[in-house]
Each structure stands twice: as structure tokens, then as C-alpha cells.
């Protein structure tokens, strides 16, 4: 187990941390998907920003999960990385 995984495992034992982590799950998943798309394209944040007509700091905020992007921004990011944006809805379990 990596040090980071061990740290997360310890934090997840804290109910308040776990609740907040689970609440942020969708935003963190979106951020991870954006980073993966950029990585697959072999681009830097600055290159994606240039292709989007934006700035590197905007791309960094998108990839950090600290902002919730509009659909238009997601489409521009996807196109800049050679991908197509799509929405997938899942039925809640339970």
C-alpha cells in the first residue's frame, strides 16, 4: 500500500471526513476523468487551455474539482483533448 493510500484509509475512518469525501465523489470523479483525457491526449494544461481559447489556470481549476464546469466548457475541454463529451445517468442503488 502506498503512503497516500494508507493516509486515505486512516482518514476514511473519521465519519466527518468520509461524509465529505462521499459528498464530493462526483466532482472528484469528473476531475479525474478530465485529467485522464488530457493524459491520453499527451497534452499539458497549457496546451489544452490554448486549444480551448482559455488559460492554464482555468484548466487547473477544472482538473482540481474546485469548480463545476458548464456543459459548454466540458465540450470545449473534450474537443481540445480529442474526445467527445457525453452524459451518463445511473439509477441509484437501494
Protein backbone atom coordinates (compact mmCIF):
# COMPACT_ATOMS: atom_id res chain seq x y z
CA UNK A 1 0.00 0.00 0.00
CA UNK A 2 1.32 3.46 -0.88
CA UNK A 3 1.73 6.12 1.75
CA UNK A 4 -1.10 8.10 0.16
CA UNK A 5 -3.46 5.09 0.16
CA UNK A 6 -2.62 4.43 3.81
CA UNK A 7 -3.28 8.06 4.69
CA UNK A 8 -6.65 7.99 2.91
CA UNK A 9 -7.56 4.72 4.62
CA UNK A 10 -6.91 6.31 8.01
CA UNK A 11 -8.90 9.43 7.16
CA UNK A 12 -11.85 7.35 5.93
CA UNK A 13 -12.26 6.04 9.50
CA UNK A 14 -13.33 9.56 10.51
CA UNK A 15 -17.11 9.80 9.89
CA UNK A 16 -16.97 13.54 9.08
CA UNK A 17 -14.16 13.03 6.57
CA UNK A 18 -15.94 10.06 4.97
CA UNK A 19 -19.20 12.01 4.63
CA UNK A 20 -17.48 14.95 2.94
CA UNK A 21 -15.42 12.65 0.71
CA UNK A 22 -18.56 10.83 -0.44
CA UNK A 23 -20.38 14.14 -0.99
CA UNK A 24 -17.56 15.32 -3.25
CA UNK A 25 -17.35 11.99 -5.09
CA UNK A 26 -18.97 13.13 -8.36
CA UNK A 27 -16.84 16.28 -8.59
CA UNK A 28 -13.67 14.31 -7.89
CA UNK A 29 -14.66 11.69 -10.47
CA UNK A 30 -15.19 14.39 -13.09
CA UNK A 31 -11.81 15.94 -12.29
CA UNK A 32 -10.13 12.54 -12.62
CA UNK A 33 -11.84 11.96 -15.98
CA UNK A 34 -10.62 15.32 -17.28
CA UNK A 35 -7.05 14.58 -16.21
CA UNK A 36 -7.23 11.12 -17.81
CA UNK A 37 -8.46 12.61 -21.11
CA UNK A 38 -5.63 15.13 -21.14
CA UNK A 39 -3.12 12.42 -20.29
CA UNK A 40 -4.38 10.17 -23.10
CA UNK A 41 -4.00 13.10 -25.48
CA UNK A 42 -0.43 13.71 -24.28
CA UNK A 43 -1.14 17.38 -23.62
CA UNK A 44 -0.13 19.83 -20.92
CA UNK A 45 -2.66 22.03 -19.16
CA UNK A 46 -1.30 25.00 -21.13
CA UNK A 47 -1.81 23.18 -24.44
CA UNK A 48 -5.39 22.27 -23.54
CA UNK A 49 -6.04 25.86 -22.48
CA UNK A 50 -4.68 27.22 -25.77
CA UNK A 51 -6.89 24.83 -27.73
CA UNK A 52 -9.89 25.87 -25.63
CA UNK A 53 -9.14 29.57 -26.01
CA UNK A 54 -8.69 29.81 -22.27
CA UNK A 55 -5.90 29.94 -19.70
CA UNK A 56 -3.88 27.28 -17.90
CA UNK A 57 -5.31 28.42 -14.56
CA UNK A 58 -8.86 27.69 -15.79
CA UNK A 59 -7.79 24.18 -16.82
CA UNK A 60 -6.08 23.69 -13.45
CA UNK A 61 -9.28 24.68 -11.62
CA UNK A 62 -11.33 22.27 -13.76
CA UNK A 63 -8.90 19.44 -13.05
CA UNK A 64 -8.80 20.16 -9.32
CA UNK A 65 -12.56 19.76 -8.99
CA UNK A 66 -12.78 23.17 -7.34
CA UNK A 67 -15.19 24.49 -9.98
CA UNK A 68 -18.23 22.90 -11.55
CA UNK A 69 -17.95 23.47 -15.29
CA UNK A 70 -20.76 24.33 -17.65
CA UNK A 71 -21.71 21.87 -20.38
CA UNK A 72 -20.14 24.24 -22.93
CA UNK A 73 -16.84 24.23 -21.03
CA UNK A 74 -16.87 20.43 -20.81
CA UNK A 75 -17.46 20.19 -24.56
CA UNK A 76 -14.59 22.60 -25.27
CA UNK A 77 -12.28 20.63 -22.96
CA UNK A 78 -13.29 17.34 -24.58
CA UNK A 79 -12.73 18.70 -28.09
CA UNK A 80 -9.37 20.19 -27.06
CA UNK A 81 -8.23 16.73 -25.94
CA UNK A 82 -9.63 14.89 -28.95
CA UNK A 83 -12.61 13.46 -27.07
CA UNK A 84 -16.38 13.76 -27.22
CA UNK A 85 -18.31 14.84 -24.12
CA UNK A 86 -21.23 12.65 -23.05
CA UNK A 87 -23.55 12.45 -20.06
CA UNK A 88 -24.26 9.13 -18.39
CA UNK A 89 -27.04 8.83 -15.82
CA UNK A 90 -27.19 5.87 -13.48
CA UNK A 91 -30.06 4.62 -11.41
CA UNK A 92 -29.37 4.95 -7.69
CA UNK A 93 -28.94 1.68 -5.88
CA UNK A 94 -31.03 0.89 -2.88
